[in-house]
Full PDB file with SEQRES, HELIX, SHEET, SSBOND, CRYST1, ORIGX, SCALE, CONECT and MASTER records, all heavy atoms in Angstrom:
SEQRES   1 A   44  SER GLY THR ILE PHE ARG ARG ASP GLY SER GLY ASP HIS          
SEQRES   2 A   44  ILE LEU LEU SER GLU TYR ARG ASN ARG VAL GLU VAL PRO          
SEQRES   3 A   44  LYS ASN SER MET GLY ASN VAL SER LEU HIS ILE LEU LYS          
SEQRES   4 A   44  LEU GLU ILE SER ASP                                          
HELIX    1 AA1 SER A   17  TYR A   19  5                                   3    
SHEET    1 AA1 2 PHE A   5  ASP A   8  0                                        
SHEET    2 AA1 2 GLY A  11  ILE A  14 -1                                        
SHEET    1 AA2 2 VAL A  23  GLU A  24  0                                        
SHEET    2 AA2 2 HIS A  36  ILE A  37 -1                                        
CRYST1    1.000    1.000    1.000  90.00  90.00  90.00 P 1           1          
ORIGX1      1.000000  0.000000  0.000000        0.00000                         
ORIGX2      0.000000  1.000000  0.000000        0.00000                         
ORIGX3      0.000000  0.000000  1.000000        0.00000                         
SCALE1      1.000000  0.000000  0.000000        0.00000                         
SCALE2      0.000000  1.000000  0.000000        0.00000                         
SCALE3      0.000000  0.000000  1.000000        0.00000                         
ATOM      1  N   SER A   1     -12.137  39.904   9.725  1.00  0.00           N  
ATOM      2  CA  SER A   1     -11.072  38.970   8.975  1.00  0.00           C  
ATOM      3  C   SER A   1     -11.600  37.582   9.309  1.00  0.00           C  
ATOM      4  O   SER A   1     -12.285  37.260  10.229  1.00  0.00           O  
ATOM      5  CB  SER A   1      -9.623  39.226   9.589  1.00  0.00           C  
ATOM      6  OG  SER A   1      -9.661  38.848  10.945  1.00  0.00           O  
ATOM      7  N   GLY A   2     -11.050  36.631   8.509  1.00  0.00           N  
ATOM      8  CA  GLY A   2     -11.414  35.215   8.802  1.00  0.00           C  
ATOM      9  C   GLY A   2     -10.838  34.369   7.679  1.00  0.00           C  
ATOM     10  O   GLY A   2     -10.199  34.830   6.700  1.00  0.00           O  
ATOM     11  N   THR A   3     -10.976  32.997   7.886  1.00  0.00           N  
ATOM     12  CA  THR A   3     -10.541  31.934   6.814  1.00  0.00           C  
ATOM     13  C   THR A   3     -11.694  31.816   5.917  1.00  0.00           C  
ATOM     14  O   THR A   3     -12.821  31.291   6.429  1.00  0.00           O  
ATOM     15  CB  THR A   3     -10.139  30.764   7.642  1.00  0.00           C  
ATOM     16  OG1 THR A   3      -8.980  31.074   8.463  1.00  0.00           O  
ATOM     17  CG2 THR A   3      -9.579  29.643   6.635  1.00  0.00           C  
ATOM     18  N   ILE A   4     -11.521  31.998   4.630  1.00  0.00           N  
ATOM     19  CA  ILE A   4     -12.500  31.704   3.645  1.00  0.00           C  
ATOM     20  C   ILE A   4     -12.540  30.227   3.291  1.00  0.00           C  
ATOM     21  O   ILE A   4     -13.580  29.638   3.191  1.00  0.00           O  
ATOM     22  CB  ILE A   4     -12.272  32.542   2.336  1.00  0.00           C  
ATOM     23  CG1 ILE A   4     -12.116  34.017   2.653  1.00  0.00           C  
ATOM     24  CG2 ILE A   4     -13.167  32.369   1.357  1.00  0.00           C  
ATOM     25  CD1 ILE A   4     -11.613  34.871   1.505  1.00  0.00           C  
ATOM     26  N   PHE A   5     -11.359  29.681   2.932  1.00  0.00           N  
ATOM     27  CA  PHE A   5     -11.276  28.431   2.306  1.00  0.00           C  
ATOM     28  C   PHE A   5     -10.127  27.692   3.001  1.00  0.00           C  
ATOM     29  O   PHE A   5      -9.058  28.190   3.246  1.00  0.00           O  
ATOM     30  CB  PHE A   5     -11.068  28.626   0.779  1.00  0.00           C  
ATOM     31  CG  PHE A   5     -10.942  27.422   0.021  1.00  0.00           C  
ATOM     32  CD1 PHE A   5     -11.936  26.800  -0.558  1.00  0.00           C  
ATOM     33  CD2 PHE A   5      -9.601  26.716  -0.169  1.00  0.00           C  
ATOM     34  CE1 PHE A   5     -11.826  25.610  -1.310  1.00  0.00           C  
ATOM     35  CE2 PHE A   5      -9.543  25.518  -0.837  1.00  0.00           C  
ATOM     36  CZ  PHE A   5     -10.496  24.936  -1.506  1.00  0.00           C  
ATOM     37  N   ARG A   6     -10.453  26.253   3.073  1.00  0.00           N  
ATOM     38  CA  ARG A   6      -9.372  25.458   3.623  1.00  0.00           C  
ATOM     39  C   ARG A   6      -9.376  24.137   2.897  1.00  0.00           C  
ATOM     40  O   ARG A   6     -10.543  23.505   2.780  1.00  0.00           O  
ATOM     41  CB  ARG A   6      -9.493  25.143   5.217  1.00  0.00           C  
ATOM     42  CG  ARG A   6      -8.463  24.204   5.809  1.00  0.00           C  
ATOM     43  CD  ARG A   6      -8.669  24.168   7.190  1.00  0.00           C  
ATOM     44  NE  ARG A   6      -7.785  22.972   7.732  1.00  0.00           N  
ATOM     45  CZ  ARG A   6      -6.569  23.132   8.165  1.00  0.00           C  
ATOM     46  NH1 ARG A   6      -5.943  24.295   8.124  1.00  0.00           N  
ATOM     47  NH2 ARG A   6      -5.914  22.100   8.627  1.00  0.00           N  
ATOM     48  N   ARG A   7      -8.288  23.675   2.346  1.00  0.00           N  
ATOM     49  CA  ARG A   7      -8.229  22.364   1.732  1.00  0.00           C  
ATOM     50  C   ARG A   7      -7.341  21.544   2.613  1.00  0.00           C  
ATOM     51  O   ARG A   7      -6.125  21.955   2.822  1.00  0.00           O  
ATOM     52  CB  ARG A   7      -7.720  22.463   0.332  1.00  0.00           C  
ATOM     53  CG  ARG A   7      -7.507  21.193  -0.468  1.00  0.00           C  
ATOM     54  CD  ARG A   7      -7.096  21.295  -1.902  1.00  0.00           C  
ATOM     55  NE  ARG A   7      -8.256  21.796  -2.600  1.00  0.00           N  
ATOM     56  CZ  ARG A   7      -8.186  22.312  -3.819  1.00  0.00           C  
ATOM     57  NH1 ARG A   7      -6.991  22.530  -4.445  1.00  0.00           N  
ATOM     58  NH2 ARG A   7      -9.220  22.675  -4.556  1.00  0.00           N  
ATOM     59  N   ASP A   8      -7.709  20.306   2.950  1.00  0.00           N  
ATOM     60  CA  ASP A   8      -6.780  19.368   3.769  1.00  0.00           C  
ATOM     61  C   ASP A   8      -7.153  18.105   3.406  1.00  0.00           C  
ATOM     62  O   ASP A   8      -7.918  17.828   2.455  1.00  0.00           O  
ATOM     63  CB  ASP A   8      -6.827  19.750   5.335  1.00  0.00           C  
ATOM     64  CG  ASP A   8      -8.311  19.580   5.766  1.00  0.00           C  
ATOM     65  OD1 ASP A   8      -9.123  18.860   5.279  1.00  0.00           O  
ATOM     66  OD2 ASP A   8      -8.562  20.127   6.814  1.00  0.00           O  
ATOM     67  N   GLY A   9      -6.672  17.085   4.260  1.00  0.00           N  
ATOM     68  CA  GLY A   9      -6.965  15.645   3.920  1.00  0.00           C  
ATOM     69  C   GLY A   9      -8.397  15.275   3.871  1.00  0.00           C  
ATOM     70  O   GLY A   9      -8.764  14.221   3.255  1.00  0.00           O  
ATOM     71  N   SER A  10      -9.247  16.074   4.529  1.00  0.00           N  
ATOM     72  CA  SER A  10     -10.675  15.649   4.438  1.00  0.00           C  
ATOM     73  C   SER A  10     -11.451  16.328   3.422  1.00  0.00           C  
ATOM     74  O   SER A  10     -12.614  16.352   3.374  1.00  0.00           O  
ATOM     75  CB  SER A  10     -11.248  16.063   5.915  1.00  0.00           C  
ATOM     76  OG  SER A  10     -11.280  17.433   6.072  1.00  0.00           O  
ATOM     77  N   GLY A  11     -10.773  17.154   2.605  1.00  0.00           N  
ATOM     78  CA  GLY A  11     -11.537  17.865   1.445  1.00  0.00           C  
ATOM     79  C   GLY A  11     -11.302  19.408   1.503  1.00  0.00           C  
ATOM     80  O   GLY A  11     -10.635  19.972   2.167  1.00  0.00           O  
ATOM     81  N   ASP A  12     -12.377  19.985   0.747  1.00  0.00           N  
ATOM     82  CA  ASP A  12     -12.393  21.485   0.662  1.00  0.00           C  
ATOM     83  C   ASP A  12     -13.480  21.919   1.601  1.00  0.00           C  
ATOM     84  O   ASP A  12     -14.642  21.377   1.600  1.00  0.00           O  
ATOM     85  CB  ASP A  12     -12.710  21.919  -0.835  1.00  0.00           C  
ATOM     86  CG  ASP A  12     -11.603  21.648  -1.822  1.00  0.00           C  
ATOM     87  OD1 ASP A  12     -10.584  21.207  -1.345  1.00  0.00           O  
ATOM     88  OD2 ASP A  12     -11.656  21.862  -2.938  1.00  0.00           O  
ATOM     89  N   HIS A  13     -13.246  23.042   2.323  1.00  0.00           N  
ATOM     90  CA  HIS A  13     -14.195  23.683   3.293  1.00  0.00           C  
ATOM     91  C   HIS A  13     -14.272  25.181   2.962  1.00  0.00           C  
ATOM     92  O   HIS A  13     -13.221  25.840   3.036  1.00  0.00           O  
ATOM     93  CB  HIS A  13     -13.742  23.316   4.714  1.00  0.00           C  
ATOM     94  CG  HIS A  13     -13.488  21.864   4.946  1.00  0.00           C  
ATOM     95  ND1 HIS A  13     -14.359  20.909   5.184  1.00  0.00           N  
ATOM     96  CD2 HIS A  13     -12.237  21.230   4.971  1.00  0.00           C  
ATOM     97  CE1 HIS A  13     -13.758  19.780   5.253  1.00  0.00           C  
ATOM     98  NE2 HIS A  13     -12.410  19.883   5.093  1.00  0.00           N  
ATOM     99  N   ILE A  14     -15.493  25.680   2.850  1.00  0.00           N  
ATOM    100  CA  ILE A  14     -15.677  27.107   2.751  1.00  0.00           C  
ATOM    101  C   ILE A  14     -16.260  27.566   4.122  1.00  0.00           C  
ATOM    102  O   ILE A  14     -17.406  27.055   4.492  1.00  0.00           O  
ATOM    103  CB  ILE A  14     -16.604  27.480   1.627  1.00  0.00           C  
ATOM    104  CG1 ILE A  14     -15.986  27.133   0.262  1.00  0.00           C  
ATOM    105  CG2 ILE A  14     -16.962  28.960   1.664  1.00  0.00           C  
ATOM    106  CD1 ILE A  14     -16.848  27.143  -0.898  1.00  0.00           C  
ATOM    107  N   LEU A  15     -15.423  28.291   4.846  1.00  0.00           N  
ATOM    108  CA  LEU A  15     -15.775  28.673   6.262  1.00  0.00           C  
ATOM    109  C   LEU A  15     -16.453  29.966   6.569  1.00  0.00           C  
ATOM    110  O   LEU A  15     -17.144  30.062   7.564  1.00  0.00           O  
ATOM    111  CB  LEU A  15     -14.544  28.573   7.065  1.00  0.00           C  
ATOM    112  CG  LEU A  15     -13.601  27.335   6.867  1.00  0.00           C  
ATOM    113  CD1 LEU A  15     -12.300  27.421   7.415  1.00  0.00           C  
ATOM    114  CD2 LEU A  15     -14.397  26.125   7.548  1.00  0.00           C  
ATOM    115  N   LEU A  16     -16.407  30.900   5.582  1.00  0.00           N  
ATOM    116  CA  LEU A  16     -17.166  32.169   5.747  1.00  0.00           C  
ATOM    117  C   LEU A  16     -18.428  32.072   4.898  1.00  0.00           C  
ATOM    118  O   LEU A  16     -18.340  31.929   3.699  1.00  0.00           O  
ATOM    119  CB  LEU A  16     -16.273  33.353   5.390  1.00  0.00           C  
ATOM    120  CG  LEU A  16     -15.163  33.740   6.326  1.00  0.00           C  
ATOM    121  CD1 LEU A  16     -14.438  34.973   5.866  1.00  0.00           C  
ATOM    122  CD2 LEU A  16     -15.627  34.104   7.702  1.00  0.00           C  
ATOM    123  N   SER A  17     -19.551  32.239   5.606  1.00  0.00           N  
ATOM    124  CA  SER A  17     -20.893  32.070   4.872  1.00  0.00           C  
ATOM    125  C   SER A  17     -21.035  32.957   3.702  1.00  0.00           C  
ATOM    126  O   SER A  17     -21.610  32.579   2.647  1.00  0.00           O  
ATOM    127  CB  SER A  17     -22.001  32.237   5.868  1.00  0.00           C  
ATOM    128  OG  SER A  17     -21.959  33.562   6.444  1.00  0.00           O  
ATOM    129  N   GLU A  18     -20.451  34.271   3.751  1.00  0.00           N  
ATOM    130  CA  GLU A  18     -20.638  35.203   2.761  1.00  0.00           C  
ATOM    131  C   GLU A  18     -19.996  34.738   1.368  1.00  0.00           C  
ATOM    132  O   GLU A  18     -20.234  35.311   0.366  1.00  0.00           O  
ATOM    133  CB  GLU A  18     -20.285  36.628   2.963  1.00  0.00           C  
ATOM    134  CG  GLU A  18     -18.828  36.814   3.298  1.00  0.00           C  
ATOM    135  CD  GLU A  18     -18.525  36.791   4.800  1.00  0.00           C  
ATOM    136  OE1 GLU A  18     -19.213  36.111   5.617  1.00  0.00           O  
ATOM    137  OE2 GLU A  18     -17.662  37.577   5.242  1.00  0.00           O  
ATOM    138  N   TYR A  19     -19.104  33.826   1.505  1.00  0.00           N  
ATOM    139  CA  TYR A  19     -18.366  33.235   0.342  1.00  0.00           C  
ATOM    140  C   TYR A  19     -18.979  31.904  -0.184  1.00  0.00           C  
ATOM    141  O   TYR A  19     -18.493  31.389  -1.203  1.00  0.00           O  
ATOM    142  CB  TYR A  19     -16.955  33.130   0.647  1.00  0.00           C  
ATOM    143  CG  TYR A  19     -16.228  34.434   0.707  1.00  0.00           C  
ATOM    144  CD1 TYR A  19     -16.000  34.972   1.973  1.00  0.00           C  
ATOM    145  CD2 TYR A  19     -15.687  35.074  -0.413  1.00  0.00           C  
ATOM    146  CE1 TYR A  19     -15.425  36.188   2.139  1.00  0.00           C  
ATOM    147  CE2 TYR A  19     -15.083  36.317  -0.276  1.00  0.00           C  
ATOM    148  CZ  TYR A  19     -14.938  36.863   0.903  1.00  0.00           C  
ATOM    149  OH  TYR A  19     -14.215  38.181   1.123  1.00  0.00           O  
ATOM    150  N   ARG A  20     -19.910  31.250   0.558  1.00  0.00           N  
ATOM    151  CA  ARG A  20     -20.511  29.976   0.131  1.00  0.00           C  
ATOM    152  C   ARG A  20     -21.133  30.087  -1.235  1.00  0.00           C  
ATOM    153  O   ARG A  20     -21.665  31.091  -1.519  1.00  0.00           O  
ATOM    154  CB  ARG A  20     -21.648  29.632   1.082  1.00  0.00           C  
ATOM    155  CG  ARG A  20     -21.083  29.194   2.473  1.00  0.00           C  
ATOM    156  CD  ARG A  20     -21.257  27.834   2.848  1.00  0.00           C  
ATOM    157  NE  ARG A  20     -20.447  27.590   3.912  1.00  0.00           N  
ATOM    158  CZ  ARG A  20     -20.664  27.774   5.274  1.00  0.00           C  
ATOM    159  NH1 ARG A  20     -21.924  28.309   5.621  1.00  0.00           N  
ATOM    160  NH2 ARG A  20     -19.828  27.413   6.182  1.00  0.00           N  
ATOM    161  N   ASN A  21     -20.917  29.099  -2.070  1.00  0.00           N  
ATOM    162  CA  ASN A  21     -21.237  28.986  -3.491  1.00  0.00           C  
ATOM    163  C   ASN A  21     -20.730  30.147  -4.300  1.00  0.00           C  
ATOM    164  O   ASN A  21     -21.150  30.419  -5.364  1.00  0.00           O  
ATOM    165  CB  ASN A  21     -22.885  29.098  -3.600  1.00  0.00           C  
ATOM    166  CG  ASN A  21     -23.446  28.040  -2.749  1.00  0.00           C  
ATOM    167  OD1 ASN A  21     -23.041  26.866  -2.751  1.00  0.00           O  
ATOM    168  ND2 ASN A  21     -24.632  28.302  -2.119  1.00  0.00           N  
ATOM    169  N   ARG A  22     -19.673  30.864  -3.812  1.00  0.00           N  
ATOM    170  CA  ARG A  22     -19.066  31.886  -4.523  1.00  0.00           C  
ATOM    171  C   ARG A  22     -17.526  31.718  -4.774  1.00  0.00           C  
ATOM    172  O   ARG A  22     -16.906  32.537  -5.428  1.00  0.00           O  
ATOM    173  CB  ARG A  22     -19.312  33.314  -3.986  1.00  0.00           C  
ATOM    174  CG  ARG A  22     -20.685  33.756  -4.090  1.00  0.00           C  
ATOM    175  CD  ARG A  22     -20.801  35.281  -3.935  1.00  0.00           C  
ATOM    176  NE  ARG A  22     -20.224  35.810  -2.707  1.00  0.00           N  
ATOM    177  CZ  ARG A  22     -19.227  36.722  -2.822  1.00  0.00           C  
ATOM    178  NH1 ARG A  22     -18.864  37.343  -3.845  1.00  0.00           N  
ATOM    179  NH2 ARG A  22     -18.776  37.188  -1.630  1.00  0.00           N  
ATOM    180  N   VAL A  23     -16.943  30.741  -4.037  1.00  0.00           N  
ATOM    181  CA  VAL A  23     -15.450  30.654  -4.125  1.00  0.00           C  
ATOM    182  C   VAL A  23     -15.071  29.133  -4.662  1.00  0.00           C  
ATOM    183  O   VAL A  23     -15.858  28.243  -4.180  1.00  0.00           O  
ATOM    184  CB  VAL A  23     -14.651  31.013  -2.961  1.00  0.00           C  
ATOM    185  CG1 VAL A  23     -14.815  32.385  -2.637  1.00  0.00           C  
ATOM    186  CG2 VAL A  23     -15.030  30.194  -1.735  1.00  0.00           C  
ATOM    187  N   GLU A  24     -14.057  29.047  -5.292  1.00  0.00           N  
ATOM    188  CA  GLU A  24     -13.568  27.683  -5.602  1.00  0.00           C  
ATOM    189  C   GLU A  24     -12.049  27.850  -5.901  1.00  0.00           C  
ATOM    190  O   GLU A  24     -11.560  28.907  -6.253  1.00  0.00           O  
ATOM    191  CB  GLU A  24     -14.238  27.131  -6.778  1.00  0.00           C  
ATOM    192  CG  GLU A  24     -14.350  27.870  -8.022  1.00  0.00           C  
ATOM    193  CD  GLU A  24     -15.343  27.445  -9.152  1.00  0.00           C  
ATOM    194  OE1 GLU A  24     -16.398  26.944  -8.749  1.00  0.00           O  
ATOM    195  OE2 GLU A  24     -14.960  27.684 -10.221  1.00  0.00           O  
ATOM    196  N   VAL A  25     -11.246  26.663  -5.796  1.00  0.00           N  
ATOM    197  CA  VAL A  25      -9.878  26.595  -6.077  1.00  0.00           C  
ATOM    198  C   VAL A  25      -9.708  25.401  -6.994  1.00  0.00           C  
ATOM    199  O   VAL A  25     -10.376  24.393  -6.802  1.00  0.00           O  
ATOM    200  CB  VAL A  25      -9.072  26.327  -4.715  1.00  0.00           C  
ATOM    201  CG1 VAL A  25      -7.590  26.096  -5.060  1.00  0.00           C  
ATOM    202  CG2 VAL A  25      -9.252  27.555  -3.801  1.00  0.00           C  
ATOM    203  N   PRO A  26      -8.962  25.558  -8.089  1.00  0.00           N  
ATOM    204  CA  PRO A  26      -8.790  24.378  -8.992  1.00  0.00           C  
ATOM    205  C   PRO A  26      -8.477  23.147  -8.190  1.00  0.00           C  
ATOM    206  O   PRO A  26      -7.639  23.195  -7.300  1.00  0.00           O  
ATOM    207  CB  PRO A  26      -7.645  24.839  -9.903  1.00  0.00           C  
ATOM    208  CG  PRO A  26      -7.653  26.299  -9.749  1.00  0.00           C  
ATOM    209  CD  PRO A  26      -8.090  26.613  -8.397  1.00  0.00           C  
ATOM    210  N   LYS A  27      -8.935  22.048  -8.739  1.00  0.00           N  
ATOM    211  CA  LYS A  27      -8.723  20.758  -7.942  1.00  0.00           C  
ATOM    212  C   LYS A  27      -7.493  20.039  -8.539  1.00  0.00           C  
ATOM    213  O   LYS A  27      -6.682  19.506  -7.789  1.00  0.00           O  
ATOM    214  CB  LYS A  27     -10.007  19.905  -8.117  1.00  0.00           C  
ATOM    215  CG  LYS A  27     -10.988  20.174  -6.966  1.00  0.00           C  
ATOM    216  CD  LYS A  27     -11.620  18.842  -6.551  1.00  0.00           C  
ATOM    217  CE  LYS A  27     -12.340  18.956  -5.109  1.00  0.00           C  
ATOM    218  NZ  LYS A  27     -13.117  20.096  -4.975  1.00  0.00           N  
ATOM    219  N   ASN A  28      -7.381  19.852  -9.837  1.00  0.00           N  
ATOM    220  CA  ASN A  28      -6.440  18.935 -10.413  1.00  0.00           C  
ATOM    221  C   ASN A  28      -5.308  19.595 -11.106  1.00  0.00           C  
ATOM    222  O   ASN A  28      -4.747  19.024 -12.056  1.00  0.00           O  
ATOM    223  CB  ASN A  28      -7.117  17.899 -11.285  1.00  0.00           C  
ATOM    224  CG  ASN A  28      -8.245  17.133 -10.505  1.00  0.00           C  
ATOM    225  OD1 ASN A  28      -8.102  16.694  -9.420  1.00  0.00           O  
ATOM    226  ND2 ASN A  28      -9.379  17.031 -11.229  1.00  0.00           N  
ATOM    227  N   SER A  29      -5.112  20.840 -10.725  1.00  0.00           N  
ATOM    228  CA  SER A  29      -3.977  21.588 -11.351  1.00  0.00           C  
ATOM    229  C   SER A  29      -2.760  21.655 -10.400  1.00  0.00           C  
ATOM    230  O   SER A  29      -2.785  22.636  -9.505  1.00  0.00           O  
ATOM    231  CB  SER A  29      -4.541  22.905 -11.746  1.00  0.00           C  
ATOM    232  OG  SER A  29      -3.643  23.700 -12.468  1.00  0.00           O  
ATOM    233  N   MET A  30      -1.853  20.722 -10.408  1.00  0.00           N  
ATOM    234  CA  MET A  30      -0.724  20.788  -9.547  1.00  0.00           C  
ATOM    235  C   MET A  30      -0.054  22.101  -9.472  1.00  0.00           C  
ATOM    236  O   MET A  30       0.430  22.677 -10.426  1.00  0.00           O  
ATOM    237  CB  MET A  30       0.305  19.734  -9.916  1.00  0.00           C  
ATOM    238  CG  MET A  30      -0.133  18.228  -9.600  1.00  0.00           C  
ATOM    239  SD  MET A  30      -0.456  18.064  -7.826  1.00  0.00           S  
ATOM    240  CE  MET A  30       1.291  18.020  -7.244  1.00  0.00           C  
ATOM    241  N   GLY A  31       0.117  22.693  -8.208  1.00  0.00           N  
ATOM    242  CA  GLY A  31       0.858  23.857  -7.990  1.00  0.00           C  
ATOM    243  C   GLY A  31      -0.047  25.090  -8.151  1.00  0.00           C  
ATOM    244  O   GLY A  31       0.333  26.161  -7.889  1.00  0.00           O  
ATOM    245  N   ASN A  32      -1.233  24.987  -8.796  1.00  0.00           N  
ATOM    246  CA  ASN A  32      -2.072  26.100  -8.967  1.00  0.00           C  
ATOM    247  C   ASN A  32      -3.182  26.112  -7.816  1.00  0.00           C  
ATOM    248  O   ASN A  32      -4.090  25.296  -7.791  1.00  0.00           O  
ATOM    249  CB  ASN A  32      -2.901  26.158 -10.340  1.00  0.00           C  
ATOM    250  CG  ASN A  32      -3.676  27.297 -10.470  1.00  0.00           C  
ATOM    251  OD1 ASN A  32      -3.951  28.181  -9.624  1.00  0.00           O  
ATOM    252  ND2 ASN A  32      -4.361  27.348 -11.692  1.00  0.00           N  
ATOM    253  N   VAL A  33      -3.121  27.122  -6.810  1.00  0.00           N  
ATOM    254  CA  VAL A  33      -3.966  27.069  -5.688  1.00  0.00           C  
ATOM    255  C   VAL A  33      -4.771  28.457  -5.739  1.00  0.00           C  
ATOM    256  O   VAL A  33      -5.005  29.007  -4.647  1.00  0.00           O  
ATOM    257  CB  VAL A  33      -3.298  26.731  -4.485  1.00  0.00           C  
ATOM    258  CG1 VAL A  33      -2.898  25.358  -4.312  1.00  0.00           C  
ATOM    259  CG2 VAL A  33      -2.123  27.598  -4.163  1.00  0.00           C  
ATOM    260  N   SER A  34      -4.940  28.987  -6.964  1.00  0.00           N  
ATOM    261  CA  SER A  34      -5.564  30.354  -7.099  1.00  0.00           C  
ATOM    262  C   SER A  34      -7.014  30.281  -6.569  1.00  0.00           C  
ATOM    263  O   SER A  34      -7.755  29.160  -6.725  1.00  0.00           O  
ATOM    264  CB  SER A  34      -5.609  30.813  -8.614  1.00  0.00           C  
ATOM    265  OG  SER A  34      -4.260  30.837  -9.023  1.00  0.00           O  
ATOM    266  N   LEU A  35      -7.494  31.342  -5.989  1.00  0.00           N  
ATOM    267  CA  LEU A  35      -8.942  31.495  -5.498  1.00  0.00           C  
ATOM    268  C   LEU A  35      -9.660  32.211  -6.498  1.00  0.00           C  
ATOM    269  O   LEU A  35      -9.394  33.314  -7.025  1.00  0.00           O  
ATOM    270  CB  LEU A  35      -8.887  32.370  -4.189  1.00  0.00           C  
ATOM    271  CG  LEU A  35     -10.182  32.432  -3.473  1.00  0.00           C  
ATOM    272  CD1 LEU A  35     -10.571  31.088  -2.801  1.00  0.00           C  
ATOM    273  CD2 LEU A  35     -10.138  33.423  -2.398  1.00  0.00           C  
ATOM    274  N   HIS A  36     -10.742  31.500  -6.983  1.00  0.00           N  
ATOM    275  CA  HIS A  36     -11.651  32.091  -7.869  1.00  0.00           C  
ATOM    276  C   HIS A  36     -12.894  32.558  -7.143  1.00  0.00           C  
ATOM    277  O   HIS A  36     -13.619  31.858  -6.352  1.00  0.00           O  
ATOM    278  CB  HIS A  36     -12.240  30.988  -8.930  1.00  0.00           C  
ATOM    279  CG  HIS A  36     -11.121  30.438  -9.823  1.00  0.00           C  
ATOM    280  ND1 HIS A  36     -11.224  30.366 -11.187  1.00  0.00           N  
ATOM    281  CD2 HIS A  36     -10.001  29.909  -9.447  1.00  0.00           C  
ATOM    282  CE1 HIS A  36     -10.116  29.841 -11.637  1.00  0.00           C  
ATOM    283  NE2 HIS A  36      -9.328  29.589 -10.610  1.00  0.00           N  
ATOM    284  N   ILE A  37     -13.210  33.880  -7.222  1.00  0.00           N  
ATOM    285  CA  ILE A  37     -14.376  34.424  -6.556  1.00  0.00           C  
ATOM    286  C   ILE A  37     -15.467  34.811  -7.590  1.00  0.00           C  
ATOM    287  O   ILE A  37     -15.159  35.587  -8.528  1.00  0.00           O  
ATOM    288  CB  ILE A  37     -14.019  35.681  -5.816  1.00  0.00           C  
ATOM    289  CG1 ILE A  37     -12.937  35.423  -4.774  1.00  0.00           C  
ATOM    290  CG2 ILE A  37     -15.233  36.197  -4.988  1.00  0.00           C  
ATOM    291  CD1 ILE A  37     -12.400  36.655  -3.903  1.00  0.00           C  
ATOM    292  N   LEU A  38     -16.668  34.248  -7.458  1.00  0.00           N  
ATOM    293  CA  LEU A  38     -17.662  34.489  -8.520  1.00  0.00           C  
ATOM    294  C   LEU A  38     -18.605  35.673  -8.007  1.00  0.00           C  
ATOM    295  O   LEU A  38     -18.717  35.894  -6.736  1.00  0.00           O  
ATOM    296  CB  LEU A  38     -18.607  33.243  -8.622  1.00  0.00           C  
ATOM    297  CG  LEU A  38     -17.832  31.862  -8.694  1.00  0.00           C  
ATOM    298  CD1 LEU A  38     -18.838  30.691  -8.745  1.00  0.00           C  
ATOM    299  CD2 LEU A  38     -16.936  31.790  -9.870  1.00  0.00           C  
ATOM    300  N   LYS A  39     -19.182  36.423  -8.937  1.00  0.00           N  
ATOM    301  CA  LYS A  39     -20.110  37.435  -8.576  1.00  0.00           C  
ATOM    302  C   LYS A  39     -19.502  38.399  -7.462  1.00  0.00           C  
ATOM    303  O   LYS A  39     -20.046  38.496  -6.387  1.00  0.00           O  
ATOM    304  CB  LYS A  39     -21.449  36.867  -8.132  1.00  0.00           C  
ATOM    305  CG  LYS A  39     -22.219  36.108  -9.030  1.00  0.00           C  
ATOM    306  CD  LYS A  39     -23.570  35.790  -8.656  1.00  0.00           C  
ATOM    307  CE  LYS A  39     -24.338  34.870  -9.669  1.00  0.00           C  
ATOM    308  NZ  LYS A  39     -24.164  33.448  -9.458  1.00  0.00           N  
ATOM    309  N   LEU A  40     -18.425  39.086  -7.820  1.00  0.00           N  
ATOM    310  CA  LEU A  40     -17.769  39.862  -6.854  1.00  0.00           C  
ATOM    311  C   LEU A  40     -18.554  40.972  -6.287  1.00  0.00           C  
ATOM    312  O   LEU A  40     -19.362  41.512  -7.033  1.00  0.00           O  
ATOM    313  CB  LEU A  40     -16.474  40.496  -7.637  1.00  0.00           C  
ATOM    314  CG  LEU A  40     -15.237  40.861  -6.876  1.00  0.00           C  
ATOM    315  CD1 LEU A  40     -14.703  39.743  -6.127  1.00  0.00           C  
ATOM    316  CD2 LEU A  40     -14.266  41.511  -7.828  1.00  0.00           C  
ATOM    317  N   GLU A  41     -18.542  41.042  -5.071  1.00  0.00           N  
ATOM    318  CA  GLU A  41     -19.315  42.193  -4.289  1.00  0.00           C  
ATOM    319  C   GLU A  41     -18.286  43.299  -3.897  1.00  0.00           C  
ATOM    320  O   GLU A  41     -17.141  43.135  -3.716  1.00  0.00           O  
ATOM    321  CB  GLU A  41     -19.902  41.642  -3.101  1.00  0.00           C  
ATOM    322  CG  GLU A  41     -20.976  40.585  -3.337  1.00  0.00           C  
ATOM    323  CD  GLU A  41     -22.182  41.135  -3.997  1.00  0.00           C  
ATOM    324  OE1 GLU A  41     -22.386  42.348  -4.074  1.00  0.00           O  
ATOM    325  OE2 GLU A  41     -23.014  40.296  -4.645  1.00  0.00           O  
ATOM    326  N   ILE A  42     -18.770  44.484  -3.867  1.00  0.00           N  
ATOM    327  CA  ILE A  42     -18.006  45.609  -3.265  1.00  0.00           C  
ATOM    328  C   ILE A  42     -17.424  45.390  -1.969  1.00  0.00           C  
ATOM    329  O   ILE A  42     -16.246  45.581  -1.610  1.00  0.00           O  
ATOM    330  CB  ILE A  42     -18.828  46.902  -3.235  1.00  0.00           C  
ATOM    331  CG1 ILE A  42     -19.405  47.380  -4.729  1.00  0.00           C  
ATOM    332  CG2 ILE A  42     -18.001  48.109  -2.633  1.00  0.00           C  
ATOM    333  CD1 ILE A  42     -18.412  47.768  -5.675  1.00  0.00           C  
ATOM    334  N   SER A  43     -18.129  44.562  -1.086  1.00  0.00           N  
ATOM    335  CA  SER A  43     -17.568  44.342   0.229  1.00  0.00           C  
ATOM    336  C   SER A  43     -16.504  43.104   0.192  1.00  0.00           C  
ATOM    337  O   SER A  43     -15.817  42.951   1.217  1.00  0.00           O  
ATOM    338  CB  SER A  43     -18.752  43.646   1.089  1.00  0.00           C  
ATOM    339  OG  SER A  43     -19.310  42.618   0.464  1.00  0.00           O  
ATOM    340  N   ASP A  44     -16.169  42.664  -0.939  1.00  0.00           N  
ATOM    341  CA  ASP A  44     -15.085  41.643  -1.117  1.00  0.00           C  
ATOM    342  C   ASP A  44     -13.729  42.286  -1.021  1.00  0.00           C  
ATOM    343  O   ASP A  44     -12.767  41.608  -0.921  1.00  0.00           O  
ATOM    344  CB  ASP A  44     -15.218  40.754  -2.380  1.00  0.00           C  
ATOM    345  CG  ASP A  44     -16.459  39.836  -2.277  1.00  0.00           C  
ATOM    346  OD1 ASP A  44     -16.836  39.536  -1.176  1.00  0.00           O  
ATOM    347  OD2 ASP A  44     -16.976  39.397  -3.272  1.00  0.00           O  
TER     348      ASP A  44                                                      
MASTER        0    0    0    1    4    0    0    6  347    1    0    4          
END                                                                             
């Protein structure tokens, strides 16, 4: 288990290496904090 993504006053941070370059959260969509995972793996 672990923290994949954190957004705070210092910006967006992807903390688990297996998700680097594969996850994003919309930036300018107020109230929408959905997680987009690209190239889904079975292990996800």
